[in-house]
Amino acid sequence: MKIVIAPDKFKGSLTGFEFCDAVEMGLQTVLNDAEIVKAPLADGGDGTIEVVRHYLEAEKATLEVNDPLCRPISASYLYSETAKIAYIEMAEASGLKLLHDDKRDTMQATSLGTGQLIADALDKGAQEIILGIGGSATTDGGMGMAAALGFRFLNAQGNELQPIGENLIQVQEIDSSQAHARLKTTTVKVACDVKNPLYGKKGAAFVYAAQKGATKENIITLDEGLKRFARVIKNHYGIDPQKIKGGGAAGGMGAGAHVFLGAELISGIDLIKDLASFDTLIKGADWIITGEGQLDSQTLSGKTIDGVISSARKHKIPVAALCGSVDISIKEQEALGLSYAVSITKGVVTLQNALKSSRDNLTFAAYNFARLIQGL
């Protein structure tokens, strides 16, 4: 029997690697002759960088860049010298996690630091860059990122603008004559699971800017800025950023990456599965065991479990989900295509205690699952 263990993390308690080890222990208690393949996954969110590092066998590159408020910080990304692939998480240089709550100010925030990481990867000879854009503190349409790569954004008087959200509304011209030369020969992929447009009621400003420190007045200004920025981009490149699905992701970085980097926006889990050669790895499996902290209706929308199931379906492999909590109906489980789903939590406990007990509870759940399939 071949069983593939392919989870996301349990946020706050277990990494994907720790999940694999705990489930393996439970399975081997019963199925000691089974072939067990461990393949931790991620969907582009927190923790993705360690999963990517595992599959790329990459090393960390660290350099000084600018944080969202242009203060110097040390930030890292992954680079595989062998594969010539870089994996960069926007949150490392331009993320909300870098700012105290009272310092969040997306009007003044810039994605410049993310661009500096990209420039370093290009200088190292990267032939492919994978960019994760979750957790950003910015609403600058990717202007800061592009500025770090040689693009210049000019106002009506021809003066270069500081690449921050507040200045989007002033951009009248884009000078791309000094753009980094290697952008033309480097493939860029962006892990993006949201479909929000660049501007409008479902756009970057109205949906996401408030959590980044924007007031109601700021949101209106930023939305108008993104709209005008899109108009300038269309005039310069002949591309309508508003038509890019996911263009509003990460404060407009989705659109900015597509326009300035020539990036393709791809589901995060699909990117990671490709790195892991997941569809090849699962061939011949009798079961796939997956899991995440909470199985709910959002799982239907591009999360790791959904990605696992889509691959399993091609090979007609049943999937079991062992999760911290399960909040779906029978109808939703059937829609997902899960053969088995269970919450590993025992009894009535606080969230804190549930997190502390995750490893033991997961091993116990895997043991009982093994007993179940042993009798099939």
Protein backbone atom coordinates (compact mmCIF):
# COMPACT_ATOMS: atom_id res chain seq x y z
CA MET A 1 0.00 0.00 0.00
CA LYS A 2 1.24 3.49 -0.92
CA ILE A 3 0.10 6.51 1.08
CA VAL A 4 1.10 10.07 0.28
CA ILE A 5 0.96 12.62 3.11
CA ALA A 6 0.44 16.08 1.59
CA PRO A 7 -0.74 18.71 4.10
CA ASP A 8 -0.63 22.43 4.61
CA LYS A 9 0.52 23.66 8.03
CA PHE A 10 -1.64 23.81 11.15
CA LYS A 11 -1.24 27.53 11.74
CA GLY A 12 0.06 28.21 15.23
CA SER A 13 0.89 24.61 16.06
CA LEU A 14 2.43 22.39 13.35
CA THR A 15 4.42 22.95 10.20
CA GLY A 16 3.64 20.81 7.18
CA PHE A 17 6.79 18.79 7.91
CA GLU A 18 5.70 18.15 11.51
CA PHE A 19 2.24 17.11 10.26
CA CYS A 20 3.88 14.54 7.97
CA ASP A 21 5.97 13.09 10.81
CA ALA A 22 3.01 12.83 13.20
CA VAL A 23 0.78 11.13 10.62
CA GLU A 24 3.57 8.76 9.59
CA MET A 25 3.94 7.68 13.23
CA GLY A 26 0.24 6.92 13.52
CA LEU A 27 0.09 5.03 10.25
CA GLN A 28 3.16 2.89 10.96
CA THR A 29 1.63 1.70 14.22
CA VAL A 30 -0.83 -0.26 12.09
CA LEU A 31 0.51 -0.35 8.52
CA ASN A 32 4.16 -1.15 9.11
CA ASP A 33 4.69 -2.41 5.54
CA ALA A 34 3.12 0.61 3.81
CA GLU A 35 5.14 2.86 1.50
CA ILE A 36 4.75 6.33 2.97
CA VAL A 37 5.68 9.38 0.90
CA LYS A 38 5.85 12.75 2.66
CA ALA A 39 5.09 15.79 0.49
CA PRO A 40 4.30 18.92 2.53
CA LEU A 41 2.57 21.64 0.51
CA ALA A 42 1.51 25.27 0.84
CA ASP A 43 -0.67 27.73 -1.05
CA GLY A 44 1.54 30.82 -1.07
CA GLY A 45 0.70 32.01 2.45
CA ASP A 46 2.80 32.01 5.62
CA GLY A 47 5.20 29.10 5.80
CA THR A 48 5.46 28.64 2.03
CA ILE A 49 9.10 29.68 2.00
CA GLU A 50 10.24 26.60 3.97
CA VAL A 51 8.25 24.27 1.72
CA VAL A 52 9.80 25.86 -1.37
CA ARG A 53 13.25 25.58 0.20
CA HIS A 54 12.68 21.85 0.65
CA TYR A 55 11.85 21.21 -3.00
CA LEU A 56 14.30 23.65 -4.58
CA GLU A 57 17.17 22.73 -2.26
CA ALA A 58 17.76 26.47 -2.21
CA GLU A 59 19.82 28.68 0.06
CA LYS A 60 18.80 31.93 1.71
CA ALA A 61 20.14 35.15 0.25
CA THR A 62 20.04 38.07 2.69
CA LEU A 63 20.53 41.76 1.97
CA GLU A 64 19.63 45.20 3.29
CA VAL A 65 16.50 46.66 1.68
CA ASN A 66 13.81 49.21 2.48
CA ASP A 67 10.79 48.18 4.56
CA PRO A 68 7.28 49.49 3.70
CA LEU A 69 8.11 52.86 5.28
CA CYS A 70 11.53 53.05 3.59
CA ARG A 71 13.49 52.18 6.72
CA PRO A 72 16.53 49.90 6.25
CA ILE A 73 15.97 46.27 7.21
CA SER A 74 17.58 42.91 6.53
CA ALA A 75 15.41 40.67 4.31
CA SER A 76 15.89 37.25 2.74
CA TYR A 77 14.71 35.22 -0.20
CA LEU A 78 15.55 31.77 -1.54
CA TYR A 79 17.85 31.12 -4.45
CA SER A 80 18.79 27.87 -6.11
CA GLU A 81 22.10 28.24 -7.93
CA THR A 82 21.54 24.90 -9.66
CA ALA A 83 18.02 25.59 -10.93
CA LYS A 84 18.55 29.37 -11.29
CA ILE A 85 15.19 29.87 -9.55
CA ALA A 86 14.46 32.50 -6.90
CA TYR A 87 11.51 32.42 -4.52
CA ILE A 88 10.66 35.81 -3.03
CA GLU A 89 7.95 36.54 -0.47
CA MET A 90 6.70 40.11 -0.63
CA ALA A 91 5.96 40.01 3.10
CA GLU A 92 9.68 39.69 3.88
CA ALA A 93 10.39 43.24 2.67
CA SER A 94 6.99 44.90 2.21
CA GLY A 95 4.76 43.08 4.67
CA LEU A 96 2.34 44.13 7.38
CA LYS A 97 4.26 41.88 9.76
CA LEU A 98 7.11 44.42 9.67
CA LEU A 99 4.97 47.22 11.11
CA HIS A 100 3.41 47.76 14.52
CA ASP A 101 -0.34 48.31 14.28
CA ASP A 102 0.04 52.04 14.99
CA LYS A 103 2.58 52.38 12.17
CA ARG A 104 0.38 50.99 9.40
CA ASP A 105 0.04 53.71 6.76
CA THR A 106 -0.61 52.41 3.27
CA MET A 107 -0.69 55.95 1.88
CA GLN A 108 3.03 56.20 2.68
CA ALA A 109 3.92 52.54 2.17
CA THR A 110 5.98 51.27 -0.74
CA SER A 111 6.84 47.92 -2.31
CA LEU A 112 10.37 49.19 -3.04
CA GLY A 113 12.00 46.54 -0.83
CA THR A 114 10.36 43.73 -2.76
CA GLY A 115 11.78 45.20 -5.96
CA GLN A 116 15.22 45.32 -4.37
CA LEU A 117 15.01 41.59 -3.63
CA ILE A 118 13.95 40.94 -7.23
CA ALA A 119 16.82 43.06 -8.55
CA ASP A 120 19.31 41.08 -6.44
CA ALA A 121 17.94 37.79 -7.80
CA LEU A 122 18.23 39.09 -11.37
CA ASP A 123 21.82 40.17 -10.71
CA LYS A 124 22.59 36.67 -9.43
CA GLY A 125 21.43 35.23 -12.76
CA ALA A 126 17.95 33.99 -11.89
CA GLN A 127 16.17 32.59 -14.93
CA GLU A 128 12.88 32.17 -13.07
CA ILE A 129 11.43 34.14 -10.19
CA ILE A 130 8.46 32.98 -8.14
CA LEU A 131 6.86 35.80 -6.18
CA GLY A 132 4.53 35.24 -3.25
CA ILE A 133 2.48 38.38 -2.61
CA GLY A 134 0.51 37.60 0.54
CA GLY A 135 0.56 39.85 3.61
CA SER A 136 1.54 43.12 1.96
CA ALA A 137 1.40 46.50 3.74
CA THR A 138 1.15 48.42 0.48
CA THR A 139 -1.36 49.89 -1.95
CA ASP A 140 1.05 51.29 -4.53
CA GLY A 141 0.13 49.25 -7.60
CA GLY A 142 3.61 47.73 -7.61
CA MET A 143 5.11 51.16 -8.29
CA GLY A 144 7.75 50.80 -5.57
CA MET A 145 8.76 47.37 -6.81
CA ALA A 146 9.10 48.71 -10.34
CA ALA A 147 11.09 51.75 -9.18
CA ALA A 148 13.71 49.46 -7.64
CA LEU A 149 14.07 47.85 -11.08
CA GLY A 150 14.75 51.09 -12.92
CA PHE A 151 11.27 52.31 -13.85
CA ARG A 152 10.60 55.99 -13.20
CA PHE A 153 7.19 57.50 -12.44
CA LEU A 154 6.78 61.15 -13.33
CA ASN A 155 4.21 63.82 -12.45
CA ALA A 156 2.75 66.47 -14.77
CA GLN A 157 5.88 68.61 -14.37
CA GLY A 158 8.17 65.73 -15.33
CA ASN A 159 9.50 65.27 -11.80
CA GLU A 160 10.13 61.78 -10.45
CA LEU A 161 7.66 60.74 -7.76
CA GLN A 162 8.36 58.81 -4.59
CA PRO A 163 6.76 55.39 -5.26
CA ILE A 164 4.14 55.35 -2.47
CA GLY A 165 0.37 54.88 -2.47
CA GLU A 166 -0.35 58.55 -1.92
CA ASN A 167 1.41 59.46 -5.17
CA LEU A 168 -0.45 57.08 -7.49
CA ILE A 169 -2.90 59.85 -8.29
CA GLN A 170 -0.08 62.10 -9.52
CA VAL A 171 1.52 59.71 -12.02
CA GLN A 172 1.31 61.14 -15.54
CA GLU A 173 4.12 59.32 -17.31
CA ILE A 174 6.19 56.14 -17.00
CA ASP A 175 9.82 56.06 -18.10
CA SER A 176 10.90 52.46 -18.67
CA SER A 177 14.11 53.27 -20.56
CA GLN A 178 16.31 52.24 -17.62
CA ALA A 179 14.41 49.09 -16.62
CA HIS A 180 16.59 46.15 -15.54
CA ALA A 181 17.83 44.45 -18.72
CA ARG A 182 17.33 40.89 -17.42
CA LEU A 183 13.58 41.36 -17.03
CA LYS A 184 13.22 40.59 -20.74
CA THR A 185 14.82 37.16 -20.37
CA THR A 186 13.55 36.05 -16.94
CA THR A 187 10.30 34.19 -16.34
CA VAL A 188 8.26 35.54 -13.43
CA LYS A 189 5.36 33.71 -11.80
CA VAL A 190 3.18 35.21 -9.08
CA ALA A 191 1.37 33.08 -6.51
CA CYS A 192 -2.06 34.72 -6.50
CA ASP A 193 -5.37 33.20 -5.46
CA VAL A 194 -7.61 36.27 -5.28
CA LYS A 195 -9.52 37.56 -8.30
CA ASN A 196 -10.05 41.17 -7.21
CA PRO A 197 -9.67 43.84 -9.90
CA LEU A 198 -7.25 46.71 -9.47
CA TYR A 199 -9.82 49.38 -8.56
CA GLY A 200 -13.51 49.78 -7.81
CA LYS A 201 -15.67 48.50 -4.96
CA LYS A 202 -14.03 45.05 -5.18
CA GLY A 203 -10.58 46.44 -5.85
CA ALA A 204 -7.36 46.74 -3.88
CA ALA A 205 -8.25 49.90 -1.96
CA PHE A 206 -11.87 49.23 -0.97
CA VAL A 207 -11.32 45.59 -0.01
CA TYR A 208 -7.87 45.57 1.59
CA ALA A 209 -6.59 49.07 2.40
CA ALA A 210 -8.45 49.48 5.72
CA GLN A 211 -6.48 46.64 7.32
CA LYS A 212 -3.32 48.40 6.15
CA GLY A 213 -4.13 51.58 8.06
CA ALA A 214 -6.23 53.51 5.52
CA THR A 215 -9.09 55.80 6.60
CA LYS A 216 -12.31 56.03 4.57
CA GLU A 217 -10.97 59.17 2.92
CA ASN A 218 -7.66 57.41 2.18
CA ILE A 219 -9.49 54.52 0.54
CA ILE A 220 -11.31 56.85 -1.84
CA THR A 221 -8.04 58.63 -2.71
CA LEU A 222 -6.17 55.35 -3.23
CA ASP A 223 -8.93 53.94 -5.42
CA GLU A 224 -8.91 57.04 -7.60
CA GLY A 225 -5.11 56.85 -7.71
CA LEU A 226 -5.19 53.23 -8.86
CA LYS A 227 -7.76 54.14 -11.52
CA ARG A 228 -5.58 56.95 -12.88
CA PHE A 229 -2.46 54.77 -12.62
CA ALA A 230 -4.25 52.15 -14.73
CA ARG A 231 -5.03 54.78 -17.35
CA VAL A 232 -1.36 55.80 -17.58
CA ILE A 233 -0.31 52.14 -17.84
CA LYS A 234 -2.81 51.56 -20.64
CA ASN A 235 -1.50 54.58 -22.55
CA HIS A 236 2.12 53.47 -22.11
CA TYR A 237 1.85 49.70 -22.59
CA GLY A 238 -1.50 49.13 -24.29
CA ILE A 239 -2.50 46.89 -21.35
CA ASP A 240 -5.68 47.50 -19.34
CA PRO A 241 -4.72 46.54 -15.75
CA GLN A 242 -8.38 46.47 -14.72
CA LYS A 243 -8.89 43.37 -16.88
CA ILE A 244 -6.16 41.40 -15.10
CA LYS A 245 -7.79 38.81 -12.82
CA GLY A 246 -6.14 39.27 -9.45
CA GLY A 247 -4.74 42.66 -10.44
CA GLY A 248 -5.89 44.07 -7.10
CA ALA A 249 -3.99 41.49 -5.06
CA ALA A 250 -1.44 42.86 -2.57
CA GLY A 251 -2.42 46.49 -3.11
CA GLY A 252 -2.22 46.20 -6.88
CA MET A 253 0.99 44.17 -6.97
CA GLY A 254 -0.86 41.58 -9.05
CA ALA A 255 -1.34 44.12 -11.82
CA GLY A 256 2.07 45.72 -11.29
CA ALA A 257 3.91 42.40 -11.55
CA HIS A 258 2.07 41.51 -14.74
CA VAL A 259 2.76 44.88 -16.36
CA PHE A 260 6.32 45.63 -15.21
CA LEU A 261 7.72 42.10 -14.84
CA GLY A 262 5.70 40.32 -17.50
CA ALA A 263 4.54 37.98 -14.76
CA GLU A 264 1.94 35.26 -15.01
CA LEU A 265 -0.50 35.08 -12.08
CA ILE A 266 -0.96 31.47 -10.98
CA SER A 267 -2.70 29.73 -8.08
CA GLY A 268 -0.29 29.39 -5.17
CA ILE A 269 -0.98 25.72 -4.60
CA ASP A 270 -0.51 24.98 -8.31
CA LEU A 271 2.91 26.64 -8.21
CA ILE A 272 4.00 24.59 -5.20
CA LYS A 273 2.63 21.35 -6.67
CA ASP A 274 4.65 22.02 -9.80
CA LEU A 275 7.84 22.53 -7.76
CA ALA A 276 7.14 19.28 -5.90
CA SER A 277 6.34 17.35 -9.12
CA PHE A 278 3.25 16.39 -7.15
CA ASP A 279 1.21 14.83 -9.94
CA THR A 280 4.09 12.46 -10.72
CA LEU A 281 4.81 11.72 -7.07
CA ILE A 282 1.25 10.53 -6.30
CA LYS A 283 1.01 8.02 -9.14
CA GLY A 284 0.15 4.57 -7.83
CA ALA A 285 -0.98 5.84 -4.42
CA ASP A 286 -3.84 4.10 -2.64
CA TRP A 287 -4.61 7.12 -0.45
CA ILE A 288 -3.56 10.72 -0.04
CA ILE A 289 -3.79 12.19 3.45
CA THR A 290 -3.98 15.97 3.61
CA GLY A 291 -4.96 18.51 6.23
CA GLU A 292 -4.94 22.08 7.48
CA GLY A 293 -5.90 23.94 10.62
CA GLN A 294 -9.50 24.50 9.60
CA LEU A 295 -11.54 22.83 6.89
CA ASP A 296 -14.32 25.23 5.91
CA SER A 297 -16.06 26.77 2.92
CA GLN A 298 -12.91 28.75 2.01
CA THR A 299 -11.19 25.45 1.28
CA LEU A 300 -13.23 25.37 -1.92
CA SER A 301 -11.35 28.42 -3.19
CA GLY A 302 -7.77 27.60 -4.11
CA LYS A 303 -6.55 26.32 -0.76
CA THR A 304 -4.06 23.47 -0.37
CA ILE A 305 -6.65 20.75 0.21
CA ASP A 306 -8.56 21.79 -2.91
CA GLY A 307 -5.32 21.58 -4.89
CA VAL A 308 -4.54 18.12 -3.52
CA ILE A 309 -8.00 16.89 -4.44
CA SER A 310 -7.78 18.24 -7.99
CA SER A 311 -4.59 16.24 -8.56
CA ALA A 312 -5.96 13.14 -6.85
CA ARG A 313 -9.07 13.25 -9.01
CA LYS A 314 -6.99 12.85 -12.18
CA HIS A 315 -5.58 9.59 -10.85
CA LYS A 316 -8.76 8.44 -9.08
CA ILE A 317 -7.03 8.42 -5.68
CA PRO A 318 -9.22 8.86 -2.57
CA VAL A 319 -8.29 11.72 -0.24
CA ALA A 320 -8.59 11.87 3.55
CA ALA A 321 -8.43 15.18 5.41
CA LEU A 322 -7.25 15.28 9.04
CA CYS A 323 -7.90 18.82 10.26
CA GLY A 324 -7.81 20.83 13.45
CA SER A 325 -11.48 21.62 13.01
CA VAL A 326 -14.07 20.76 10.38
CA ASP A 327 -16.85 23.18 9.52
CA ILE A 328 -18.40 21.93 6.30
CA SER A 329 -21.67 20.23 5.45
CA ILE A 330 -22.13 16.84 3.78
CA LYS A 331 -22.98 18.70 0.58
CA GLU A 332 -19.76 20.74 0.77
CA GLN A 333 -17.65 17.67 1.47
CA GLU A 334 -19.12 15.94 -1.56
CA ALA A 335 -18.52 19.06 -3.65
CA LEU A 336 -14.89 19.02 -2.56
CA GLY A 337 -14.53 15.36 -3.40
CA LEU A 338 -13.20 14.27 -0.02
CA SER A 339 -13.58 10.58 0.80
CA TYR A 340 -12.92 11.11 4.50
CA ALA A 341 -12.78 14.17 6.74
CA VAL A 342 -12.34 14.40 10.50
CA SER A 343 -11.50 16.91 13.19
CA ILE A 344 -8.59 15.65 15.29
CA THR A 345 -9.62 17.63 18.38
CA LYS A 346 -10.59 15.51 21.40
CA GLY A 347 -13.36 16.63 23.73
CA VAL A 348 -14.28 20.21 24.60
CA VAL A 349 -11.06 22.21 24.92
CA THR A 350 -9.82 25.75 24.58
CA LEU A 351 -8.07 26.79 21.38
CA GLN A 352 -4.80 27.06 23.28
CA ASN A 353 -5.03 23.49 24.54
CA ALA A 354 -6.10 22.23 21.13
CA LEU A 355 -3.00 23.78 19.57
CA LYS A 356 -0.75 22.26 22.23
CA SER A 357 -2.24 18.81 21.65
CA SER A 358 -2.17 18.91 17.85
CA ARG A 359 0.74 16.52 17.36
CA ASP A 360 -0.60 13.79 19.68
CA ASN A 361 -4.14 14.20 18.40
CA LEU A 362 -2.97 13.99 14.81
CA THR A 363 -1.00 10.80 15.47
CA PHE A 364 -4.09 9.32 17.16
CA ALA A 365 -6.33 10.28 14.23
CA ALA A 366 -3.86 8.76 11.75
CA TYR A 367 -3.72 5.56 13.79
CA ASN A 368 -7.51 5.24 13.69
CA PHE A 369 -7.60 6.03 9.99
CA ALA A 370 -5.05 3.25 9.40
CA ARG A 371 -7.22 0.85 11.38
CA LEU A 372 -10.18 1.84 9.21
CA ILE A 373 -8.48 1.30 5.83
CA GLN A 374 -6.79 -1.86 7.05
CA GLY A 375 -10.23 -3.39 7.35
CA LEU A 376 -11.39 -2.28 3.89
